[in-house]
C-alpha atoms as a PDB file:
ATOM      1  CA  MET A   1     131.693  68.318 114.219  1.00  0.00           C
ATOM      2  CA  GLU A   2     133.501  66.969 117.247  1.00  0.00           C
ATOM      3  CA  PHE A   3     134.049  63.407 118.443  1.00  0.00           C
ATOM      4  CA  VAL A   4     133.971  62.822 122.183  1.00  0.00           C
ATOM      5  CA  THR A   5     133.917  60.116 124.788  1.00  0.00           C
ATOM      6  CA  CYS A   6     130.297  60.006 125.889  1.00  0.00           C
ATOM      7  CA  THR A   7     129.463  60.167 129.577  1.00  0.00           C
ATOM      8  CA  GLU A   8     126.320  59.231 131.429  1.00  0.00           C
ATOM      9  CA  GLU A   9     125.924  62.712 132.885  1.00  0.00           C
ATOM     10  CA  ILE A  10     126.113  64.518 129.549  1.00  0.00           C
ATOM     11  CA  HIS A  11     124.915  62.022 126.941  1.00  0.00           C
ATOM     12  CA  ALA A  12     122.631  59.392 128.521  1.00  0.00           C
ATOM     13  CA  SER A  13     119.381  61.142 127.577  1.00  0.00           C
ATOM     14  CA  ALA A  14     120.457  61.696 123.967  1.00  0.00           C
ATOM     15  CA  ILE A  15     121.702  58.104 123.593  1.00  0.00           C
ATOM     16  CA  LEU A  16     118.451  56.889 125.119  1.00  0.00           C
ATOM     17  CA  SER A  17     116.462  58.950 122.612  1.00  0.00           C
ATOM     18  CA  ILE A  18     118.429  57.518 119.661  1.00  0.00           C
ATOM     19  CA  LEU A  19     118.057  53.954 120.942  1.00  0.00           C
ATOM     20  CA  ASN A  20     114.348  54.280 121.710  1.00  0.00           C
ATOM     21  CA  GLU A  21     113.650  55.686 118.248  1.00  0.00           C
ATOM     22  CA  ALA A  22     115.461  52.696 116.730  1.00  0.00           C
ATOM     23  CA  ILE A  23     113.514  50.279 118.957  1.00  0.00           C
ATOM     24  CA  ALA A  24     110.173  51.841 117.978  1.00  0.00           C
ATOM     25  CA  ASN A  25     110.785  52.246 114.251  1.00  0.00           C
ATOM     26  CA  SER A  26     113.384  49.754 113.037  1.00  0.00           C
ATOM     27  CA  THR A  27     114.854  46.293 113.315  1.00  0.00           C
ATOM     28  CA  ALA A  28     118.261  47.706 114.254  1.00  0.00           C
ATOM     29  CA  LEU A  29     117.499  46.519 117.798  1.00  0.00           C
ATOM     30  CA  TYR A  30     115.589  43.314 118.444  1.00  0.00           C
ATOM     31  CA  ASP A  31     113.807  44.916 121.365  1.00  0.00           C
ATOM     32  CA  TYR A  32     110.133  45.773 121.841  1.00  0.00           C
ATOM     33  CA  LYS A  33     109.964  48.243 124.707  1.00  0.00           C
ATOM     34  CA  PRO A  34     111.679  51.602 125.121  1.00  0.00           C
ATOM     35  CA  ARG A  35     114.565  51.679 127.538  1.00  0.00           C
ATOM     36  CA  SER A  36     114.707  53.873 130.619  1.00  0.00           C
ATOM     37  CA  LEU A  37     117.316  56.187 132.109  1.00  0.00           C
ATOM     38  CA  GLU A  38     117.909  53.474 134.729  1.00  0.00           C
ATOM     39  CA  ASN A  39     118.846  51.110 131.849  1.00  0.00           C
ATOM     40  CA  MET A  40     121.292  53.724 130.610  1.00  0.00           C
ATOM     41  CA  SER A  41     122.901  54.020 134.019  1.00  0.00           C
ATOM     42  CA  GLU A  42     123.577  50.273 134.089  1.00  0.00           C
ATOM     43  CA  TRP A  43     124.755  50.390 130.459  1.00  0.00           C
ATOM     44  CA  PHE A  44     127.302  53.117 131.201  1.00  0.00           C
ATOM     45  CA  LYS A  45     128.486  51.322 134.364  1.00  0.00           C
ATOM     46  CA  ALA A  46     129.095  48.135 132.357  1.00  0.00           C
ATOM     47  CA  LYS A  47     130.990  50.051 129.659  1.00  0.00           C
ATOM     48  CA  GLN A  48     133.142  51.819 132.243  1.00  0.00           C
ATOM     49  CA  ALA A  49     133.848  48.647 134.253  1.00  0.00           C
ATOM     50  CA  SER A  50     135.301  46.945 131.162  1.00  0.00           C
ATOM     51  CA  SER A  51     136.935  50.051 129.642  1.00  0.00           C
ATOM     52  CA  PHE A  52     134.659  49.808 126.600  1.00  0.00           C
ATOM     53  CA  PRO A  53     134.459  53.096 124.654  1.00  0.00           C
ATOM     54  CA  VAL A  54     131.336  55.077 123.867  1.00  0.00           C
ATOM     55  CA  ILE A  55     132.273  57.470 121.073  1.00  0.00           C
ATOM     56  CA  GLY A  56     129.873  60.266 120.189  1.00  0.00           C
ATOM     57  CA  ALA A  57     129.593  62.615 117.225  1.00  0.00           C
ATOM     58  CA  ILE A  58     128.588  66.070 118.455  1.00  0.00           C
ATOM     59  CA  SER A  59     127.292  68.932 116.327  1.00  0.00           C
ATOM     60  CA  PRO A  60     128.676  72.468 116.771  1.00  0.00           C
ATOM     61  CA  ASP A  61     125.597  73.302 118.872  1.00  0.00           C
ATOM     62  CA  GLY A  62     126.162  70.309 121.188  1.00  0.00           C
ATOM     63  CA  GLU A  63     123.615  67.845 119.770  1.00  0.00           C
ATOM     64  CA  LEU A  64     124.554  64.146 119.833  1.00  0.00           C
ATOM     65  CA  LEU A  65     124.284  63.054 116.190  1.00  0.00           C
ATOM     66  CA  GLY A  66     125.229  59.429 116.777  1.00  0.00           C
ATOM     67  CA  PHE A  67     127.363  57.100 118.828  1.00  0.00           C
ATOM     68  CA  ALA A  68     129.300  53.853 118.582  1.00  0.00           C
ATOM     69  CA  SER A  69     130.452  51.402 121.191  1.00  0.00           C
ATOM     70  CA  TYR A  70     131.420  47.814 121.763  1.00  0.00           C
ATOM     71  CA  GLY A  71     131.132  45.267 124.493  1.00  0.00           C
ATOM     72  CA  THR A  72     131.630  41.655 125.396  1.00  0.00           C
ATOM     73  CA  PHE A  73     130.884  39.235 122.569  1.00  0.00           C
ATOM     74  CA  ARG A  74     130.412  36.170 124.764  1.00  0.00           C
ATOM     75  CA  ALA A  75     131.122  35.702 128.467  1.00  0.00           C
ATOM     76  CA  TRP A  76     133.610  32.810 128.312  1.00  0.00           C
ATOM     77  CA  PRO A  77     137.305  33.646 128.799  1.00  0.00           C
ATOM     78  CA  ALA A  78     138.570  32.386 125.424  1.00  0.00           C
ATOM     79  CA  TYR A  79     136.464  35.093 123.721  1.00  0.00           C
ATOM     80  CA  LYS A  80     138.460  37.852 125.455  1.00  0.00           C
ATOM     81  CA  TYR A  81     139.873  39.155 122.158  1.00  0.00           C
ATOM     82  CA  SER A  82     136.462  39.367 120.446  1.00  0.00           C
ATOM     83  CA  ILE A  83     133.992  42.218 120.858  1.00  0.00           C
ATOM     84  CA  GLU A  84     130.520  42.985 119.533  1.00  0.00           C
ATOM     85  CA  HIS A  85     129.970  46.539 118.387  1.00  0.00           C
ATOM     86  CA  SER A  86     127.068  48.807 117.583  1.00  0.00           C
ATOM     87  CA  VAL A  87     126.659  52.159 115.887  1.00  0.00           C
ATOM     88  CA  TYR A  88     123.498  54.275 115.935  1.00  0.00           C
ATOM     89  CA  ILE A  89     122.831  57.555 114.178  1.00  0.00           C
ATOM     90  CA  HIS A  90     120.052  60.013 115.030  1.00  0.00           C
ATOM     91  CA  ARG A  91     117.274  59.625 112.452  1.00  0.00           C
ATOM     92  CA  ASP A  92     117.754  63.188 111.165  1.00  0.00           C
ATOM     93  CA  HIS A  93     121.447  62.620 110.435  1.00  0.00           C
ATOM     94  CA  ARG A  94     121.544  59.232 108.725  1.00  0.00           C
ATOM     95  CA  GLY A  95     123.110  58.898 105.294  1.00  0.00           C
ATOM     96  CA  LYS A  96     125.715  61.626 105.877  1.00  0.00           C
ATOM     97  CA  GLY A  97     128.738  59.407 106.529  1.00  0.00           C
ATOM     98  CA  LEU A  98     128.658  59.670 110.334  1.00  0.00           C
ATOM     99  CA  GLY A  99     128.377  55.909 110.787  1.00  0.00           C
ATOM    100  CA  ARG A 100     131.553  55.350 108.812  1.00  0.00           C
ATOM    101  CA  ILE A 101     133.531  57.940 110.776  1.00  0.00           C
ATOM    102  CA  LEU A 102     132.315  56.560 114.099  1.00  0.00           C
ATOM    103  CA  MET A 103     133.128  53.007 113.013  1.00  0.00           C
ATOM    104  CA  GLU A 104     136.624  54.013 111.878  1.00  0.00           C
ATOM    105  CA  ARG A 105     137.249  55.533 115.294  1.00  0.00           C
ATOM    106  CA  LEU A 106     135.827  52.461 117.002  1.00  0.00           C
ATOM    107  CA  ILE A 107     138.057  50.151 114.944  1.00  0.00           C
ATOM    108  CA  ALA A 108     141.095  52.253 115.900  1.00  0.00           C
ATOM    109  CA  LYS A 109     140.109  52.028 119.570  1.00  0.00           C
ATOM    110  CA  ALA A 110     139.677  48.235 119.318  1.00  0.00           C
ATOM    111  CA  MET A 111     143.183  47.951 117.896  1.00  0.00           C
ATOM    112  CA  GLU A 112     144.564  50.233 120.600  1.00  0.00           C
ATOM    113  CA  GLN A 113     142.927  48.005 123.219  1.00  0.00           C
ATOM    114  CA  GLN A 114     144.410  44.920 121.519  1.00  0.00           C
ATOM    115  CA  TYR A 115     141.219  43.186 120.395  1.00  0.00           C
ATOM    116  CA  HIS A 116     141.352  40.748 117.489  1.00  0.00           C
ATOM    117  CA  VAL A 117     137.821  40.366 116.096  1.00  0.00           C
ATOM    118  CA  MET A 118     135.009  42.897 115.864  1.00  0.00           C
ATOM    119  CA  ILE A 119     131.557  41.398 115.359  1.00  0.00           C
ATOM    120  CA  GLY A 120     128.387  43.141 114.264  1.00  0.00           C
ATOM    121  CA  GLY A 121     124.974  41.500 114.468  1.00  0.00           C
ATOM    122  CA  ILE A 122     122.866  43.167 111.767  1.00  0.00           C
ATOM    123  CA  ASP A 123     119.306  42.554 110.683  1.00  0.00           C
ATOM    124  CA  GLU A 124     119.778  41.115 107.209  1.00  0.00           C
ATOM    125  CA  SER A 125     117.265  43.579 105.735  1.00  0.00           C
ATOM    126  CA  ASN A 126     119.298  46.593 106.953  1.00  0.00           C
ATOM    127  CA  GLY A 127     121.058  47.226 103.645  1.00  0.00           C
ATOM    128  CA  ALA A 128     122.686  50.483 104.776  1.00  0.00           C
ATOM    129  CA  SER A 129     124.384  48.849 107.745  1.00  0.00           C
ATOM    130  CA  VAL A 130     125.439  45.810 105.707  1.00  0.00           C
ATOM    131  CA  MET A 131     126.934  48.104 103.048  1.00  0.00           C
ATOM    132  CA  LEU A 132     128.746  50.194 105.688  1.00  0.00           C
ATOM    133  CA  HIS A 133     130.322  47.110 107.202  1.00  0.00           C
ATOM    134  CA  ARG A 134     131.367  45.694 103.835  1.00  0.00           C
ATOM    135  CA  ARG A 135     132.978  49.017 102.873  1.00  0.00           C
ATOM    136  CA  LEU A 136     134.962  48.928 106.107  1.00  0.00           C
ATOM    137  CA  GLY A 137     136.325  45.480 105.305  1.00  0.00           C
ATOM    138  CA  PHE A 138     133.953  43.358 107.369  1.00  0.00           C
ATOM    139  CA  SER A 139     133.041  39.984 105.909  1.00  0.00           C
ATOM    140  CA  HIS A 140     129.831  38.019 106.268  1.00  0.00           C
ATOM    141  CA  ALA A 141     130.372  35.344 108.922  1.00  0.00           C
ATOM    142  CA  GLY A 142     126.928  33.721 108.814  1.00  0.00           C
ATOM    143  CA  THR A 143     123.230  34.328 109.213  1.00  0.00           C
ATOM    144  CA  ILE A 144     120.829  32.913 111.753  1.00  0.00           C
ATOM    145  CA  LYS A 145     117.520  32.640 109.911  1.00  0.00           C
ATOM    146  CA  GLN A 146     114.386  33.702 111.777  1.00  0.00           C
ATOM    147  CA  ALA A 147     116.376  34.561 114.908  1.00  0.00           C
ATOM    148  CA  GLY A 148     113.944  37.290 115.917  1.00  0.00           C
ATOM    149  CA  PHE A 149     110.302  38.273 115.505  1.00  0.00           C
ATOM    150  CA  LYS A 150     109.300  41.923 115.309  1.00  0.00           C
ATOM    151  CA  PHE A 151     106.707  43.979 113.422  1.00  0.00           C
ATOM    152  CA  GLY A 152     104.786  40.780 112.646  1.00  0.00           C
ATOM    153  CA  ARG A 153     107.589  39.060 110.745  1.00  0.00           C
ATOM    154  CA  TRP A 154     110.604  36.820 111.253  1.00  0.00           C
ATOM    155  CA  LEU A 155     113.980  38.518 111.225  1.00  0.00           C
ATOM    156  CA  ASP A 156     117.256  37.075 109.972  1.00  0.00           C
ATOM    157  CA  LEU A 157     120.327  38.062 111.982  1.00  0.00           C
ATOM    158  CA  ALA A 158     123.501  38.381 109.891  1.00  0.00           C
ATOM    159  CA  PHE A 159     126.903  38.478 111.525  1.00  0.00           C
ATOM    160  CA  TYR A 160     129.771  40.490 110.047  1.00  0.00           C
ATOM    161  CA  GLN A 161     133.311  40.344 111.344  1.00  0.00           C
ATOM    162  CA  LEU A 162     136.520  42.263 110.961  1.00  0.00           C
ATOM    163  CA  VAL A 163     139.764  40.500 111.892  1.00  0.00           C
ATOM    164  CA  LEU A 164     142.295  42.971 113.267  1.00  0.00           C
ATOM    165  CA  GLN A 165     146.070  42.564 113.283  1.00  0.00           C
ATOM    166  CA  THR A 166     146.065  42.762 117.084  1.00  0.00           C
ATOM    167  CA  PRO A 167     146.837  41.677 119.730  1.00  0.00           C
ATOM    168  CA  HIS A 168     150.567  41.656 119.299  1.00  0.00           C
ATOM    169  CA  ALA A 169     151.085  38.907 121.891  1.00  0.00           C
ATOM    170  CA  PRO A 170     147.875  36.952 122.626  1.00  0.00           C
ATOM    171  CA  VAL A 171     147.888  34.649 125.644  1.00  0.00           C
ATOM    172  CA  ASP A 172     145.739  31.813 126.954  1.00  0.00           C
ATOM    173  CA  GLY A 173     144.004  32.120 130.276  1.00  0.00           C
END
């Protein structure tokens, strides 16, 4: 297996497929409709404009097995050291430890880029993702009850955070 920086040209269709499967079959994304390649183009542009990584796990035959990324947590300037991350694994490759490896690489990248807090918004019923985050040292930071509605039921959104020992010299403004 190889870990790469994903690009729109090479990986957009595979990322789109992973995301759309999660939208259709899970509460990992609080979205109803499949995304389009145009959505992916905007997504990649936003990641590139802010130097946010998109890390992919690639099989020996070139298949994208999963990916992880982060982005802006909130738009106000004082949140500049906080990021919200996501990790998605292709349905055929879940439960094999890929999420952990991708998250470890994402955490290392966040430290390299001098972020201080990583935040994951996780559907409270997603036990595998909650367990992954806890094993990586994330702590429960709160739950918004009935924040979403999907598949005919209310969904509780749990937030998990990891406080990093960076940045070395934070500044206001």
